[in-house]
Amino acid sequence: YKILEGVRGKPPVDQEAIVRILLKTSKMLMECPEIKELDMNPVLVYEKDAKIVDARVIL
């Protein structure tokens, strides 16, 4: 997506950080089948790094 590459004078975001979050989340869900739902919102992505600000897990 263009917005991830930097628009309106903003720098590009750390797309590798997004990939790391998705891979770690996928691994956690594979290893913990008791998790029925996972909501991560918001996920803030910066020029270097990304953070999950809030998450809700339903077992």
PDB file of N, CA and C in Angstrom:
ATOM      1  N   TYR A   1       0.834  -1.177   0.000  1.00  0.00           N
ATOM      2  CA  TYR A   1       0.000   0.000   0.000  1.00  0.00           C
ATOM      3  C   TYR A   1       0.878   1.240   0.000  1.00  0.00           C
ATOM      4  N   LYS A   2       0.475   2.215  -0.773  1.00  0.00           N
ATOM      5  CA  LYS A   2       1.238   3.449  -0.927  1.00  0.00           C
ATOM      6  C   LYS A   2       1.470   4.144   0.411  1.00  0.00           C
ATOM      7  N   ILE A   3       0.474   4.138   1.289  1.00  0.00           N
ATOM      8  CA  ILE A   3       0.590   4.845   2.561  1.00  0.00           C
ATOM      9  C   ILE A   3       1.738   4.286   3.407  1.00  0.00           C
ATOM     10  N   LEU A   4       2.044   2.999   3.272  1.00  0.00           N
ATOM     11  CA  LEU A   4       3.144   2.397   4.027  1.00  0.00           C
ATOM     12  C   LEU A   4       4.503   2.856   3.512  1.00  0.00           C
ATOM     13  N   GLU A   5       4.536   3.318   2.269  1.00  0.00           N
ATOM     14  CA  GLU A   5       5.782   3.758   1.651  1.00  0.00           C
ATOM     15  C   GLU A   5       6.093   5.218   1.937  1.00  0.00           C
ATOM     16  N   GLY A   6       5.180   5.904   2.616  1.00  0.00           N
ATOM     17  CA  GLY A   6       5.383   7.311   2.950  1.00  0.00           C
ATOM     18  C   GLY A   6       4.620   8.214   2.002  1.00  0.00           C
ATOM     19  N   VAL A   7       3.754   9.039   2.558  1.00  0.00           N
ATOM     20  CA  VAL A   7       2.975   9.987   1.766  1.00  0.00           C
ATOM     21  C   VAL A   7       2.893  11.312   2.508  1.00  0.00           C
ATOM     22  N   ARG A   8       2.639  12.383   1.757  1.00  0.00           N
ATOM     23  CA  ARG A   8       2.449  13.719   2.328  1.00  0.00           C
ATOM     24  C   ARG A   8       3.574  14.120   3.275  1.00  0.00           C
ATOM     25  N   GLY A   9       4.779  13.818   2.875  1.00  0.00           N
ATOM     26  CA  GLY A   9       5.935  14.209   3.666  1.00  0.00           C
ATOM     27  C   GLY A   9       6.249  13.308   4.849  1.00  0.00           C
ATOM     28  N   LYS A  10       5.460  12.266   5.047  1.00  0.00           N
ATOM     29  CA  LYS A  10       5.713  11.325   6.150  1.00  0.00           C
ATOM     30  C   LYS A  10       6.690  10.251   5.663  1.00  0.00           C
ATOM     31  N   PRO A  11       7.553   9.781   6.566  1.00  0.00           N
ATOM     32  CA  PRO A  11       8.504   8.740   6.157  1.00  0.00           C
ATOM     33  C   PRO A  11       7.806   7.393   5.993  1.00  0.00           C
ATOM     34  N   PRO A  12       8.427   6.482   5.258  1.00  0.00           N
ATOM     35  CA  PRO A  12       7.857   5.134   5.149  1.00  0.00           C
ATOM     36  C   PRO A  12       7.893   4.439   6.507  1.00  0.00           C
ATOM     37  N   VAL A  13       6.986   3.507   6.688  1.00  0.00           N
ATOM     38  CA  VAL A  13       6.929   2.782   7.958  1.00  0.00           C
ATOM     39  C   VAL A  13       7.730   1.487   7.852  1.00  0.00           C
ATOM     40  N   ASP A  14       7.978   0.888   8.986  1.00  0.00           N
ATOM     41  CA  ASP A  14       8.750  -0.345   9.092  1.00  0.00           C
ATOM     42  C   ASP A  14       7.863  -1.535   8.718  1.00  0.00           C
ATOM     43  N   GLN A  15       7.829  -1.856   7.439  1.00  0.00           N
ATOM     44  CA  GLN A  15       6.982  -2.951   6.971  1.00  0.00           C
ATOM     45  C   GLN A  15       7.448  -4.299   7.511  1.00  0.00           C
ATOM     46  N   GLU A  16       8.727  -4.441   7.770  1.00  0.00           N
ATOM     47  CA  GLU A  16       9.233  -5.681   8.368  1.00  0.00           C
ATOM     48  C   GLU A  16       8.681  -5.868   9.775  1.00  0.00           C
ATOM     49  N   ALA A  17       8.447  -4.774  10.493  1.00  0.00           N
ATOM     50  CA  ALA A  17       7.856  -4.869  11.834  1.00  0.00           C
ATOM     51  C   ALA A  17       6.429  -5.406  11.742  1.00  0.00           C
ATOM     52  N   ILE A  18       5.712  -5.006  10.715  1.00  0.00           N
ATOM     53  CA  ILE A  18       4.355  -5.524  10.502  1.00  0.00           C
ATOM     54  C   ILE A  18       4.421  -7.033  10.253  1.00  0.00           C
ATOM     55  N   VAL A  19       5.351  -7.447   9.424  1.00  0.00           N
ATOM     56  CA  VAL A  19       5.521  -8.871   9.125  1.00  0.00           C
ATOM     57  C   VAL A  19       5.861  -9.636  10.400  1.00  0.00           C
ATOM     58  N   ARG A  20       6.762  -9.088  11.227  1.00  0.00           N
ATOM     59  CA  ARG A  20       7.127  -9.762  12.480  1.00  0.00           C
ATOM     60  C   ARG A  20       5.913  -9.935  13.387  1.00  0.00           C
ATOM     61  N   ILE A  21       5.091  -8.898  13.507  1.00  0.00           N
ATOM     62  CA  ILE A  21       3.887  -8.990  14.337  1.00  0.00           C
ATOM     63  C   ILE A  21       2.958 -10.076  13.801  1.00  0.00           C
ATOM     64  N   LEU A  22       2.756 -10.106  12.501  1.00  0.00           N
ATOM     65  CA  LEU A  22       1.865 -11.108  11.910  1.00  0.00           C
ATOM     66  C   LEU A  22       2.404 -12.524  12.088  1.00  0.00           C
ATOM     67  N   LEU A  23       3.702 -12.699  11.916  1.00  0.00           N
ATOM     68  CA  LEU A  23       4.289 -14.030  12.084  1.00  0.00           C
ATOM     69  C   LEU A  23       4.219 -14.495  13.535  1.00  0.00           C
ATOM     70  N   LYS A  24       4.528 -13.607  14.480  1.00  0.00           N
ATOM     71  CA  LYS A  24       4.463 -13.975  15.900  1.00  0.00           C
ATOM     72  C   LYS A  24       3.028 -14.255  16.329  1.00  0.00           C
ATOM     73  N   THR A  25       2.097 -13.467  15.813  1.00  0.00           N
ATOM     74  CA  THR A  25       0.687 -13.685  16.132  1.00  0.00           C
ATOM     75  C   THR A  25       0.218 -15.024  15.577  1.00  0.00           C
ATOM     76  N   SER A  26       0.597 -15.315  14.357  1.00  0.00           N
ATOM     77  CA  SER A  26       0.228 -16.586  13.737  1.00  0.00           C
ATOM     78  C   SER A  26       0.788 -17.760  14.528  1.00  0.00           C
ATOM     79  N   LYS A  27       2.048 -17.665  14.938  1.00  0.00           N
ATOM     80  CA  LYS A  27       2.671 -18.732  15.729  1.00  0.00           C
ATOM     81  C   LYS A  27       1.932 -18.928  17.048  1.00  0.00           C
ATOM     82  N   MET A  28       1.598 -17.814  17.721  1.00  0.00           N
ATOM     83  CA  MET A  28       0.887 -17.901  18.991  1.00  0.00           C
ATOM     84  C   MET A  28      -0.460 -18.597  18.807  1.00  0.00           C
ATOM     85  N   LEU A  29      -1.178 -18.245  17.748  1.00  0.00           N
ATOM     86  CA  LEU A  29      -2.487 -18.848  17.509  1.00  0.00           C
ATOM     87  C   LEU A  29      -2.377 -20.328  17.154  1.00  0.00           C
ATOM     88  N   MET A  30      -1.316 -20.710  16.464  1.00  0.00           N
ATOM     89  CA  MET A  30      -1.106 -22.127  16.142  1.00  0.00           C
ATOM     90  C   MET A  30      -0.757 -22.924  17.401  1.00  0.00           C
ATOM     91  N   GLU A  31      -0.010 -22.317  18.298  1.00  0.00           N
ATOM     92  CA  GLU A  31       0.428 -23.005  19.517  1.00  0.00           C
ATOM     93  C   GLU A  31      -0.623 -22.982  20.624  1.00  0.00           C
ATOM     94  N   CYS A  32      -1.605 -22.120  20.506  1.00  0.00           N
ATOM     95  CA  CYS A  32      -2.642 -21.978  21.541  1.00  0.00           C
ATOM     96  C   CYS A  32      -4.024 -22.127  20.906  1.00  0.00           C
ATOM     97  N   PRO A  33      -4.424 -23.332  20.566  1.00  0.00           N
ATOM     98  CA  PRO A  33      -5.707 -23.524  19.889  1.00  0.00           C
ATOM     99  C   PRO A  33      -6.910 -23.128  20.742  1.00  0.00           C
ATOM    100  N   GLU A  34      -6.703 -22.924  22.041  1.00  0.00           N
ATOM    101  CA  GLU A  34      -7.808 -22.493  22.900  1.00  0.00           C
ATOM    102  C   GLU A  34      -8.208 -21.035  22.648  1.00  0.00           C
ATOM    103  N   ILE A  35      -7.382 -20.290  21.934  1.00  0.00           N
ATOM    104  CA  ILE A  35      -7.737 -18.906  21.596  1.00  0.00           C
ATOM    105  C   ILE A  35      -8.785 -18.945  20.488  1.00  0.00           C
ATOM    106  N   LYS A  36      -9.958 -18.406  20.787  1.00  0.00           N
ATOM    107  CA  LYS A  36     -11.063 -18.398  19.821  1.00  0.00           C
ATOM    108  C   LYS A  36     -11.087 -17.110  19.001  1.00  0.00           C
ATOM    109  N   GLU A  37     -10.723 -15.991  19.647  1.00  0.00           N
ATOM    110  CA  GLU A  37     -10.716 -14.693  18.969  1.00  0.00           C
ATOM    111  C   GLU A  37      -9.531 -13.885  19.460  1.00  0.00           C
ATOM    112  N   LEU A  38      -8.996 -13.053  18.570  1.00  0.00           N
ATOM    113  CA  LEU A  38      -7.925 -12.133  18.919  1.00  0.00           C
ATOM    114  C   LEU A  38      -8.179 -10.821  18.202  1.00  0.00           C
ATOM    115  N   ASP A  39      -8.212  -9.750  18.972  1.00  0.00           N
ATOM    116  CA  ASP A  39      -8.407  -8.411  18.418  1.00  0.00           C
ATOM    117  C   ASP A  39      -7.221  -7.563  18.846  1.00  0.00           C
ATOM    118  N   MET A  40      -6.486  -7.039  17.880  1.00  0.00           N
ATOM    119  CA  MET A  40      -5.357  -6.143  18.156  1.00  0.00           C
ATOM    120  C   MET A  40      -5.693  -4.797  17.531  1.00  0.00           C
ATOM    121  N   ASN A  41      -5.953  -3.809  18.386  1.00  0.00           N
ATOM    122  CA  ASN A  41      -6.390  -2.519  17.858  1.00  0.00           C
ATOM    123  C   ASN A  41      -6.168  -1.439  18.902  1.00  0.00           C
ATOM    124  N   PRO A  42      -5.401  -0.448  18.585  1.00  0.00           N
ATOM    125  CA  PRO A  42      -4.688  -0.220  17.330  1.00  0.00           C
ATOM    126  C   PRO A  42      -3.298  -0.851  17.326  1.00  0.00           C
ATOM    127  N   VAL A  43      -2.791  -1.008  16.128  1.00  0.00           N
ATOM    128  CA  VAL A  43      -1.391  -1.362  15.927  1.00  0.00           C
ATOM    129  C   VAL A  43      -0.744  -0.122  15.319  1.00  0.00           C
ATOM    130  N   LEU A  44       0.208   0.443  16.033  1.00  0.00           N
ATOM    131  CA  LEU A  44       0.889   1.644  15.560  1.00  0.00           C
ATOM    132  C   LEU A  44       2.202   1.241  14.905  1.00  0.00           C
ATOM    133  N   VAL A  45       2.420   1.739  13.701  1.00  0.00           N
ATOM    134  CA  VAL A  45       3.629   1.406  12.954  1.00  0.00           C
ATOM    135  C   VAL A  45       4.413   2.687  12.725  1.00  0.00           C
ATOM    136  N   TYR A  46       5.680   2.618  13.081  1.00  0.00           N
ATOM    137  CA  TYR A  46       6.560   3.778  12.990  1.00  0.00           C
ATOM    138  C   TYR A  46       7.619   3.547  11.921  1.00  0.00           C
ATOM    139  N   GLU A  47       8.471   4.545  11.766  1.00  0.00           N
ATOM    140  CA  GLU A  47       9.565   4.441  10.803  1.00  0.00           C
ATOM    141  C   GLU A  47      10.479   3.261  11.158  1.00  0.00           C
ATOM    142  N   LYS A  48      10.664   3.067  12.445  1.00  0.00           N
ATOM    143  CA  LYS A  48      11.460   1.932  12.932  1.00  0.00           C
ATOM    144  C   LYS A  48      10.701   1.304  14.084  1.00  0.00           C
ATOM    145  N   ASP A  49      10.025   0.201  13.824  1.00  0.00           N
ATOM    146  CA  ASP A  49       9.306  -0.579  14.826  1.00  0.00           C
ATOM    147  C   ASP A  49       7.792  -0.412  14.695  1.00  0.00           C
ATOM    148  N   ALA A  50       7.080  -1.241  15.434  1.00  0.00           N
ATOM    149  CA  ALA A  50       5.618  -1.208  15.496  1.00  0.00           C
ATOM    150  C   ALA A  50       5.208  -1.705  16.869  1.00  0.00           C
ATOM    151  N   LYS A  51       4.077  -1.227  17.344  1.00  0.00           N
ATOM    152  CA  LYS A  51       3.588  -1.593  18.671  1.00  0.00           C
ATOM    153  C   LYS A  51       2.109  -1.942  18.602  1.00  0.00           C
ATOM    154  N   ILE A  52       1.736  -3.001  19.312  1.00  0.00           N
ATOM    155  CA  ILE A  52       0.326  -3.311  19.519  1.00  0.00           C
ATOM    156  C   ILE A  52      -0.067  -2.575  20.785  1.00  0.00           C
ATOM    157  N   VAL A  53      -0.967  -1.625  20.671  1.00  0.00           N
ATOM    158  CA  VAL A  53      -1.339  -0.788  21.812  1.00  0.00           C
ATOM    159  C   VAL A  53      -2.321  -1.503  22.728  1.00  0.00           C
ATOM    160  N   ASP A  54      -3.257  -2.230  22.144  1.00  0.00           N
ATOM    161  CA  ASP A  54      -4.266  -2.919  22.942  1.00  0.00           C
ATOM    162  C   ASP A  54      -4.623  -4.222  22.241  1.00  0.00           C
ATOM    163  N   ALA A  55      -4.882  -5.239  23.038  1.00  0.00           N
ATOM    164  CA  ALA A  55      -5.282  -6.529  22.473  1.00  0.00           C
ATOM    165  C   ALA A  55      -6.328  -7.164  23.374  1.00  0.00           C
ATOM    166  N   ARG A  56      -7.236  -7.897  22.746  1.00  0.00           N
ATOM    167  CA  ARG A  56      -8.268  -8.626  23.481  1.00  0.00           C
ATOM    168  C   ARG A  56      -8.235 -10.067  22.994  1.00  0.00           C
ATOM    169  N   VAL A  57      -8.199 -10.988  23.952  1.00  0.00           N
ATOM    170  CA  VAL A  57      -8.151 -12.413  23.634  1.00  0.00           C
ATOM    171  C   VAL A  57      -9.377 -13.080  24.230  1.00  0.00           C
ATOM    172  N   ILE A  58     -10.074 -13.849  23.420  1.00  0.00           N
ATOM    173  CA  ILE A  58     -11.224 -14.630  23.875  1.00  0.00           C
ATOM    174  C   ILE A  58     -10.823 -16.101  23.832  1.00  0.00           C
ATOM    175  N   LEU A  59     -10.942 -16.762  24.992  1.00  0.00           N
ATOM    176  CA  LEU A  59     -10.614 -18.192  25.072  1.00  0.00           C
ATOM    177  C   LEU A  59     -11.865 -19.034  24.945  1.00  0.00           C
TER     178      LEU A  59
END
